[in-house]
PDB file of N, CA and C in Angstrom:
ATOM      1  N   MET A   1      -2.251  12.146  19.220  1.00  0.00           N
ATOM      2  CA  MET A   1      -0.891  12.527  18.910  1.00  0.00           C
ATOM      3  C   MET A   1       0.050  11.397  19.280  1.00  0.00           C
ATOM      4  N   VAL A   2       1.039  11.154  18.459  1.00  0.00           N
ATOM      5  CA  VAL A   2       2.018  10.096  18.691  1.00  0.00           C
ATOM      6  C   VAL A   2       3.105  10.625  19.602  1.00  0.00           C
ATOM      7  N   ALA A   3       3.407   9.890  20.668  1.00  0.00           N
ATOM      8  CA  ALA A   3       4.361  10.372  21.666  1.00  0.00           C
ATOM      9  C   ALA A   3       5.799   9.942  21.395  1.00  0.00           C
ATOM     10  N   VAL A   4       6.010   8.982  20.539  1.00  0.00           N
ATOM     11  CA  VAL A   4       7.350   8.457  20.304  1.00  0.00           C
ATOM     12  C   VAL A   4       8.003   9.233  19.169  1.00  0.00           C
ATOM     13  N   SER A   5       9.277   9.533  19.320  1.00  0.00           N
ATOM     14  CA  SER A   5      10.021  10.241  18.280  1.00  0.00           C
ATOM     15  C   SER A   5      11.150   9.369  17.772  1.00  0.00           C
ATOM     16  N   CYS A   6      11.476   9.515  16.505  1.00  0.00           N
ATOM     17  CA  CYS A   6      12.603   8.764  15.933  1.00  0.00           C
ATOM     18  C   CYS A   6      13.891   9.549  16.011  1.00  0.00           C
ATOM     19  N   HIS A   7      13.852  10.760  16.488  1.00  0.00           N
ATOM     20  CA  HIS A   7      15.043  11.607  16.500  1.00  0.00           C
ATOM     21  C   HIS A   7      15.854  11.398  17.765  1.00  0.00           C
ATOM     22  N   GLN A   8      16.220  10.149  18.024  1.00  0.00           N
ATOM     23  CA  GLN A   8      17.045   9.806  19.173  1.00  0.00           C
ATOM     24  C   GLN A   8      18.397   9.368  18.642  1.00  0.00           C
ATOM     25  N   PRO A   9      19.475  10.050  19.015  1.00  0.00           N
ATOM     26  CA  PRO A   9      20.784   9.760  18.427  1.00  0.00           C
ATOM     27  C   PRO A   9      21.289   8.349  18.671  1.00  0.00           C
ATOM     28  N   SER A  10      20.847   7.682  19.737  1.00  0.00           N
ATOM     29  CA  SER A  10      21.355   6.356  20.044  1.00  0.00           C
ATOM     30  C   SER A  10      20.657   5.251  19.249  1.00  0.00           C
ATOM     31  N   MET A  11      19.638   5.587  18.471  1.00  0.00           N
ATOM     32  CA  MET A  11      18.876   4.587  17.745  1.00  0.00           C
ATOM     33  C   MET A  11      19.570   4.230  16.429  1.00  0.00           C
ATOM     34  N   ASP A  12      19.751   2.934  16.169  1.00  0.00           N
ATOM     35  CA  ASP A  12      20.398   2.522  14.919  1.00  0.00           C
ATOM     36  C   ASP A  12      19.377   2.465  13.777  1.00  0.00           C
ATOM     37  N   ARG A  13      19.883   2.320  12.556  1.00  0.00           N
ATOM     38  CA  ARG A  13      19.023   2.338  11.379  1.00  0.00           C
ATOM     39  C   ARG A  13      17.982   1.227  11.422  1.00  0.00           C
ATOM     40  N   GLY A  14      18.388   0.031  11.838  1.00  0.00           N
ATOM     41  CA  GLY A  14      17.445  -1.089  11.905  1.00  0.00           C
ATOM     42  C   GLY A  14      16.278  -0.791  12.818  1.00  0.00           C
ATOM     43  N   THR A  15      16.564  -0.188  13.965  1.00  0.00           N
ATOM     44  CA  THR A  15      15.513   0.175  14.908  1.00  0.00           C
ATOM     45  C   THR A  15      14.605   1.242  14.308  1.00  0.00           C
ATOM     46  N   LEU A  16      15.216   2.228  13.637  1.00  0.00           N
ATOM     47  CA  LEU A  16      14.419   3.281  13.010  1.00  0.00           C
ATOM     48  C   LEU A  16      13.495   2.716  11.940  1.00  0.00           C
ATOM     49  N   VAL A  17      14.031   1.859  11.082  1.00  0.00           N
ATOM     50  CA  VAL A  17      13.217   1.288  10.012  1.00  0.00           C
ATOM     51  C   VAL A  17      12.104   0.426  10.601  1.00  0.00           C
ATOM     52  N   GLN A  18      12.394  -0.342  11.634  1.00  0.00           N
ATOM     53  CA  GLN A  18      11.360  -1.146  12.279  1.00  0.00           C
ATOM     54  C   GLN A  18      10.264  -0.251  12.868  1.00  0.00           C
ATOM     55  N   ARG A  19      10.657   0.844  13.473  1.00  0.00           N
ATOM     56  CA  ARG A  19       9.680   1.773  14.041  1.00  0.00           C
ATOM     57  C   ARG A  19       8.820   2.391  12.934  1.00  0.00           C
ATOM     58  N   VAL A  20       9.456   2.768  11.830  1.00  0.00           N
ATOM     59  CA  VAL A  20       8.713   3.325  10.686  1.00  0.00           C
ATOM     60  C   VAL A  20       7.736   2.276  10.160  1.00  0.00           C
ATOM     61  N   ARG A  21       8.204   1.058   9.976  1.00  0.00           N
ATOM     62  CA  ARG A  21       7.321  -0.001   9.480  1.00  0.00           C
ATOM     63  C   ARG A  21       6.168  -0.267  10.441  1.00  0.00           C
ATOM     64  N   GLY A  22       6.431  -0.171  11.743  1.00  0.00           N
ATOM     65  CA  GLY A  22       5.368  -0.354  12.733  1.00  0.00           C
ATOM     66  C   GLY A  22       4.288   0.702  12.614  1.00  0.00           C
ATOM     67  N   VAL A  23       4.704   1.941  12.407  1.00  0.00           N
ATOM     68  CA  VAL A  23       3.727   3.022  12.236  1.00  0.00           C
ATOM     69  C   VAL A  23       2.998   2.846  10.907  1.00  0.00           C
ATOM     70  N   PHE A  24       3.744   2.525   9.841  1.00  0.00           N
ATOM     71  CA  PHE A  24       3.109   2.299   8.547  1.00  0.00           C
ATOM     72  C   PHE A  24       2.086   1.171   8.639  1.00  0.00           C
ATOM     73  N   ALA A  25       2.380   0.124   9.407  1.00  0.00           N
ATOM     74  CA  ALA A  25       1.478  -1.025   9.517  1.00  0.00           C
ATOM     75  C   ALA A  25       0.134  -0.653  10.127  1.00  0.00           C
ATOM     76  N   ARG A  26       0.096   0.382  10.943  1.00  0.00           N
ATOM     77  CA  ARG A  26      -1.157   0.819  11.560  1.00  0.00           C
ATOM     78  C   ARG A  26      -1.948   1.770  10.668  1.00  0.00           C
ATOM     79  N   SER A  27      -1.364   2.153   9.556  1.00  0.00           N
ATOM     80  CA  SER A  27      -2.007   3.100   8.655  1.00  0.00           C
ATOM     81  C   SER A  27      -2.690   2.368   7.511  1.00  0.00           C
ATOM     82  N   PRO A  28      -3.976   2.657   7.265  1.00  0.00           N
ATOM     83  CA  PRO A  28      -4.627   2.014   6.118  1.00  0.00           C
ATOM     84  C   PRO A  28      -3.982   2.411   4.791  1.00  0.00           C
ATOM     85  N   ILE A  29      -3.372   3.567   4.738  1.00  0.00           N
ATOM     86  CA  ILE A  29      -2.742   4.045   3.508  1.00  0.00           C
ATOM     87  C   ILE A  29      -1.394   3.360   3.281  1.00  0.00           C
ATOM     88  N   PHE A  30      -0.576   3.248   4.334  1.00  0.00           N
ATOM     89  CA  PHE A  30       0.795   2.759   4.187  1.00  0.00           C
ATOM     90  C   PHE A  30       0.999   1.323   4.673  1.00  0.00           C
ATOM     91  N   ARG A  31      -0.070   0.619   4.997  1.00  0.00           N
ATOM     92  CA  ARG A  31       0.048  -0.732   5.557  1.00  0.00           C
ATOM     93  C   ARG A  31       0.895  -1.663   4.683  1.00  0.00           C
ATOM     94  N   LYS A  32       0.766  -1.553   3.371  1.00  0.00           N
ATOM     95  CA  LYS A  32       1.495  -2.453   2.478  1.00  0.00           C
ATOM     96  C   LYS A  32       2.758  -1.816   1.904  1.00  0.00           C
ATOM     97  N   ALA A  33       3.226  -0.754   2.536  1.00  0.00           N
ATOM     98  CA  ALA A  33       4.427  -0.076   2.038  1.00  0.00           C
ATOM     99  C   ALA A  33       5.651  -0.970   2.196  1.00  0.00           C
ATOM    100  N   VAL A  34       6.504  -0.931   1.181  1.00  0.00           N
ATOM    101  CA  VAL A  34       7.755  -1.680   1.188  1.00  0.00           C
ATOM    102  C   VAL A  34       8.883  -0.663   1.081  1.00  0.00           C
ATOM    103  N   ILE A  35       9.800  -0.683   2.053  1.00  0.00           N
ATOM    104  CA  ILE A  35      10.935   0.232   2.075  1.00  0.00           C
ATOM    105  C   ILE A  35      12.144  -0.520   1.527  1.00  0.00           C
ATOM    106  N   SER A  36      12.757   0.035   0.479  1.00  0.00           N
ATOM    107  CA  SER A  36      13.905  -0.632  -0.144  1.00  0.00           C
ATOM    108  C   SER A  36      15.132  -0.564   0.762  1.00  0.00           C
ATOM    109  N   GLU A  37      16.135  -1.323   0.373  1.00  0.00           N
ATOM    110  CA  GLU A  37      17.435  -1.198   1.023  1.00  0.00           C
ATOM    111  C   GLU A  37      18.016   0.164   0.664  1.00  0.00           C
ATOM    112  N   LEU A  38      18.923   0.640   1.476  1.00  0.00           N
ATOM    113  CA  LEU A  38      19.569   1.923   1.234  1.00  0.00           C
ATOM    114  C   LEU A  38      20.451   1.851  -0.006  1.00  0.00           C
ATOM    115  N   ILE A  39      20.346   2.873  -0.851  1.00  0.00           N
ATOM    116  CA  ILE A  39      21.145   2.983  -2.068  1.00  0.00           C
ATOM    117  C   ILE A  39      22.005   4.234  -1.943  1.00  0.00           C
ATOM    118  N   SER A  40      23.229   4.181  -2.422  1.00  0.00           N
ATOM    119  CA  SER A  40      24.065   5.379  -2.469  1.00  0.00           C
ATOM    120  C   SER A  40      23.938   6.012  -3.841  1.00  0.00           C
ATOM    121  N   GLY A  41      23.624   7.300  -3.867  1.00  0.00           N
ATOM    122  CA  GLY A  41      23.481   8.024  -5.113  1.00  0.00           C
ATOM    123  C   GLY A  41      24.827   8.426  -5.690  1.00  0.00           C
ATOM    124  N   PRO A  42      24.823   8.960  -6.901  1.00  0.00           N
ATOM    125  CA  PRO A  42      26.069   9.320  -7.583  1.00  0.00           C
ATOM    126  C   PRO A  42      26.867  10.415  -6.875  1.00  0.00           C
ATOM    127  N   ASP A  43      26.187  11.238  -6.104  1.00  0.00           N
ATOM    128  CA  ASP A  43      26.878  12.307  -5.374  1.00  0.00           C
ATOM    129  C   ASP A  43      27.029  11.988  -3.888  1.00  0.00           C
ATOM    130  N   GLY A  44      26.876  10.703  -3.527  1.00  0.00           N
ATOM    131  CA  GLY A  44      27.052  10.278  -2.146  1.00  0.00           C
ATOM    132  C   GLY A  44      25.806  10.398  -1.289  1.00  0.00           C
ATOM    133  N   GLU A  45      24.688  10.807  -1.887  1.00  0.00           N
ATOM    134  CA  GLU A  45      23.463  10.925  -1.106  1.00  0.00           C
ATOM    135  C   GLU A  45      22.886   9.543  -0.791  1.00  0.00           C
ATOM    136  N   ALA A  46      22.068   9.475   0.242  1.00  0.00           N
ATOM    137  CA  ALA A  46      21.406   8.240   0.645  1.00  0.00           C
ATOM    138  C   ALA A  46      20.002   8.236   0.046  1.00  0.00           C
ATOM    139  N   ILE A  47      19.585   7.073  -0.487  1.00  0.00           N
ATOM    140  CA  ILE A  47      18.306   6.970  -1.184  1.00  0.00           C
ATOM    141  C   ILE A  47      17.580   5.705  -0.742  1.00  0.00           C
ATOM    142  N   VAL A  48      16.283   5.818  -0.490  1.00  0.00           N
ATOM    143  CA  VAL A  48      15.414   4.653  -0.336  1.00  0.00           C
ATOM    144  C   VAL A  48      14.163   4.889  -1.166  1.00  0.00           C
ATOM    145  N   ASP A  49      13.646   3.807  -1.719  1.00  0.00           N
ATOM    146  CA  ASP A  49      12.395   3.853  -2.463  1.00  0.00           C
ATOM    147  C   ASP A  49      11.305   3.229  -1.612  1.00  0.00           C
ATOM    148  N   VAL A  50      10.113   3.773  -1.719  1.00  0.00           N
ATOM    149  CA  VAL A  50       8.958   3.219  -1.025  1.00  0.00           C
ATOM    150  C   VAL A  50       7.937   2.843  -2.089  1.00  0.00           C
ATOM    151  N   SER A  51       7.500   1.590  -2.032  1.00  0.00           N
ATOM    152  CA  SER A  51       6.498   1.104  -2.977  1.00  0.00           C
ATOM    153  C   SER A  51       5.392   0.408  -2.192  1.00  0.00           C
ATOM    154  N   PHE A  52       4.376  -0.013  -2.900  1.00  0.00           N
ATOM    155  CA  PHE A  52       3.254  -0.691  -2.259  1.00  0.00           C
ATOM    156  C   PHE A  52       3.098  -2.058  -2.886  1.00  0.00           C
ATOM    157  N   GLY A  53       3.289  -3.097  -2.071  1.00  0.00           N
ATOM    158  CA  GLY A  53       3.265  -4.444  -2.593  1.00  0.00           C
ATOM    159  C   GLY A  53       4.418  -4.631  -3.558  1.00  0.00           C
ATOM    160  N   HIS A  54       4.117  -5.191  -4.703  1.00  0.00           N
ATOM    161  CA  HIS A  54       5.154  -5.414  -5.710  1.00  0.00           C
ATOM    162  C   HIS A  54       5.055  -4.391  -6.837  1.00  0.00           C
ATOM    163  N   GLY A  55       4.377  -3.289  -6.555  1.00  0.00           N
ATOM    164  CA  GLY A  55       4.199  -2.259  -7.571  1.00  0.00           C
ATOM    165  C   GLY A  55       5.432  -1.407  -7.764  1.00  0.00           C
ATOM    166  N   ARG A  56       5.294  -0.440  -8.644  1.00  0.00           N
ATOM    167  CA  ARG A  56       6.380   0.494  -8.922  1.00  0.00           C
ATOM    168  C   ARG A  56       6.634   1.380  -7.714  1.00  0.00           C
ATOM    169  N   THR A  57       7.760   2.053  -7.722  1.00  0.00           N
ATOM    170  CA  THR A  57       8.115   2.970  -6.644  1.00  0.00           C
ATOM    171  C   THR A  57       7.065   4.080  -6.562  1.00  0.00           C
ATOM    172  N   ALA A  58       6.503   4.262  -5.377  1.00  0.00           N
ATOM    173  CA  ALA A  58       5.505   5.314  -5.169  1.00  0.00           C
ATOM    174  C   ALA A  58       6.202   6.649  -4.925  1.00  0.00           C
ATOM    175  N   PHE A  59       7.274   6.605  -4.117  1.00  0.00           N
ATOM    176  CA  PHE A  59       8.071   7.796  -3.897  1.00  0.00           C
ATOM    177  C   PHE A  59       9.465   7.406  -3.445  1.00  0.00           C
ATOM    178  N   ARG A  60      10.375   8.343  -3.595  1.00  0.00           N
ATOM    179  CA  ARG A  60      11.778   8.137  -3.257  1.00  0.00           C
ATOM    180  C   ARG A  60      12.186   9.200  -2.247  1.00  0.00           C
ATOM    181  N   VAL A  61      12.935   8.769  -1.244  1.00  0.00           N
ATOM    182  CA  VAL A  61      13.482   9.700  -0.262  1.00  0.00           C
ATOM    183  C   VAL A  61      14.978   9.822  -0.534  1.00  0.00           C
ATOM    184  N   VAL A  62      15.435  11.043  -0.771  1.00  0.00           N
ATOM    185  CA  VAL A  62      16.848  11.314  -1.036  1.00  0.00           C
ATOM    186  C   VAL A  62      17.307  12.341  -0.018  1.00  0.00           C
ATOM    187  N   ALA A  63      18.392  12.044   0.670  1.00  0.00           N
ATOM    188  CA  ALA A  63      18.908  12.964   1.687  1.00  0.00           C
ATOM    189  C   ALA A  63      20.431  12.857   1.725  1.00  0.00           C
ATOM    190  N   SER A  64      21.023  13.726   2.494  1.00  0.00           N
ATOM    191  CA  SER A  64      22.487  13.796   2.558  1.00  0.00           C
ATOM    192  C   SER A  64      23.125  12.625   3.300  1.00  0.00           C
ATOM    193  N   SER A  65      22.352  11.933   4.137  1.00  0.00           N
ATOM    194  CA  SER A  65      22.914  10.818   4.898  1.00  0.00           C
ATOM    195  C   SER A  65      21.836   9.782   5.200  1.00  0.00           C
ATOM    196  N   GLU A  66      22.284   8.605   5.612  1.00  0.00           N
ATOM    197  CA  GLU A  66      21.375   7.537   6.011  1.00  0.00           C
ATOM    198  C   GLU A  66      20.500   7.983   7.183  1.00  0.00           C
ATOM    199  N   ASP A  67      21.113   8.681   8.146  1.00  0.00           N
ATOM    200  CA  ASP A  67      20.349   9.174   9.295  1.00  0.00           C
ATOM    201  C   ASP A  67      19.252  10.142   8.857  1.00  0.00           C
ATOM    202  N   ALA A  68      19.568  10.991   7.875  1.00  0.00           N
ATOM    203  CA  ALA A  68      18.581  11.956   7.393  1.00  0.00           C
ATOM    204  C   ALA A  68      17.430  11.246   6.684  1.00  0.00           C
ATOM    205  N   VAL A  69      17.733  10.199   5.907  1.00  0.00           N
ATOM    206  CA  VAL A  69      16.674   9.427   5.250  1.00  0.00           C
ATOM    207  C   VAL A  69      15.759   8.811   6.292  1.00  0.00           C
ATOM    208  N   CYS A  70      16.346   8.212   7.320  1.00  0.00           N
ATOM    209  CA  CYS A  70      15.545   7.591   8.376  1.00  0.00           C
ATOM    210  C   CYS A  70      14.691   8.625   9.101  1.00  0.00           C
ATOM    211  N   ALA A  71      15.251   9.792   9.364  1.00  0.00           N
ATOM    212  CA  ALA A  71      14.490  10.850  10.037  1.00  0.00           C
ATOM    213  C   ALA A  71      13.309  11.291   9.180  1.00  0.00           C
ATOM    214  N   ILE A  72      13.520  11.414   7.864  1.00  0.00           N
ATOM    215  CA  ILE A  72      12.431  11.805   6.962  1.00  0.00           C
ATOM    216  C   ILE A  72      11.343  10.736   6.953  1.00  0.00           C
ATOM    217  N   LEU A  73      11.740   9.470   6.873  1.00  0.00           N
ATOM    218  CA  LEU A  73      10.755   8.390   6.898  1.00  0.00           C
ATOM    219  C   LEU A  73       9.983   8.380   8.213  1.00  0.00           C
ATOM    220  N   CYS A  74      10.688   8.609   9.318  1.00  0.00           N
ATOM    221  CA  CYS A  74      10.011   8.664  10.623  1.00  0.00           C
ATOM    222  C   CYS A  74       9.016   9.812  10.667  1.00  0.00           C
ATOM    223  N   ASP A  75       9.438  10.979  10.213  1.00  0.00           N
ATOM    224  CA  ASP A  75       8.530  12.132  10.200  1.00  0.00           C
ATOM    225  C   ASP A  75       7.288  11.825   9.379  1.00  0.00           C
ATOM    226  N   LEU A  76       7.484  11.222   8.210  1.00  0.00           N
ATOM    227  CA  LEU A  76       6.361  10.860   7.354  1.00  0.00           C
ATOM    228  C   LEU A  76       5.456   9.847   8.048  1.00  0.00           C
ATOM    229  N   ALA A  77       6.064   8.809   8.626  1.00  0.00           N
ATOM    230  CA  ALA A  77       5.287   7.765   9.279  1.00  0.00           C
ATOM    231  C   ALA A  77       4.443   8.326  10.419  1.00  0.00           C
ATOM    232  N   PHE A  78       5.046   9.169  11.247  1.00  0.00           N
ATOM    233  CA  PHE A  78       4.298   9.719  12.364  1.00  0.00           C
ATOM    234  C   PHE A  78       3.260  10.729  11.908  1.00  0.00           C
ATOM    235  N   ALA A  79       3.554  11.486  10.859  1.00  0.00           N
ATOM    236  CA  ALA A  79       2.560  12.422  10.316  1.00  0.00           C
ATOM    237  C   ALA A  79       1.357  11.654   9.776  1.00  0.00           C
ATOM    238  N   VAL A  80       1.619  10.552   9.086  1.00  0.00           N
ATOM    239  CA  VAL A  80       0.534   9.718   8.573  1.00  0.00           C
ATOM    240  C   VAL A  80      -0.236   9.109   9.737  1.00  0.00           C
ATOM    241  N   GLY A  81       0.491   8.609  10.734  1.00  0.00           N
ATOM    242  CA  GLY A  81      -0.163   8.022  11.900  1.00  0.00           C
ATOM    243  C   GLY A  81      -1.042   9.019  12.624  1.00  0.00           C
ATOM    244  N   GLU A  82      -0.548  10.236  12.800  1.00  0.00           N
ATOM    245  CA  GLU A  82      -1.333  11.269  13.461  1.00  0.00           C
ATOM    246  C   GLU A  82      -2.527  11.650  12.600  1.00  0.00           C
ATOM    247  N   GLY A  83      -2.340  11.715  11.284  1.00  0.00           N
ATOM    248  CA  GLY A  83      -3.451  12.033  10.389  1.00  0.00           C
ATOM    249  C   GLY A  83      -4.537  10.974  10.461  1.00  0.00           C
ATOM    250  N   ASP A  84      -4.126   9.705  10.504  1.00  0.00           N
ATOM    251  CA  ASP A  84      -5.091   8.625  10.617  1.00  0.00           C
ATOM    252  C   ASP A  84      -5.871   8.732  11.911  1.00  0.00           C
ATOM    253  N   GLN A  85      -5.180   9.047  13.010  1.00  0.00           N
ATOM    254  CA  GLN A  85      -5.857   9.196  14.294  1.00  0.00           C
ATOM    255  C   GLN A  85      -6.854  10.349  14.260  1.00  0.00           C
ATOM    256  N   CYS A  86      -6.470  11.444  13.613  1.00  0.00           N
ATOM    257  CA  CYS A  86      -7.363  12.596  13.511  1.00  0.00           C
ATOM    258  C   CYS A  86      -8.612  12.241  12.711  1.00  0.00           C
ATOM    259  N   ARG A  87      -8.458  11.499  11.621  1.00  0.00           N
ATOM    260  CA  ARG A  87      -9.606  11.121  10.799  1.00  0.00           C
ATOM    261  C   ARG A  87     -10.551  10.222  11.569  1.00  0.00           C
ATOM    262  N   ARG A  88     -10.022   9.377  12.449  1.00  0.00           N
ATOM    263  CA  ARG A  88     -10.889   8.469  13.234  1.00  0.00           C
ATOM    264  C   ARG A  88     -11.689   9.250  14.264  1.00  0.00           C
ATOM    265  N   VAL A  89     -11.143  10.347  14.751  1.00  0.00           N
ATOM    266  CA  VAL A  89     -11.828  11.141  15.783  1.00  0.00           C
ATOM    267  C   VAL A  89     -12.964  11.946  15.177  1.00  0.00           C
ATOM    268  N   VAL A  90     -12.754  12.462  13.958  1.00  0.00           N
ATOM    269  CA  VAL A  90     -13.747  13.338  13.332  1.00  0.00           C
ATOM    270  C   VAL A  90     -14.932  12.560  12.859  1.00  0.00           C
TER     271      VAL A  90
END
């Protein structure tokens, strides 16, 4: 189980993205993931695209704020990290 959480209010976006990338780097699935710069949607939502290498967008995260996008990416990264750890144990 991963002990670090991204849901710390004092953490800035750069730190969150670095933490997400660090977790992704340890995952065989997400090691080559590329997180785009933040985009503002037409209704003010925050958007990031995640792709692998120079390929097309694999998935898009859309949320009400930049903080929410980062929290979703962190949740995904840690869920993937925990899943990878579980697969290694079995």
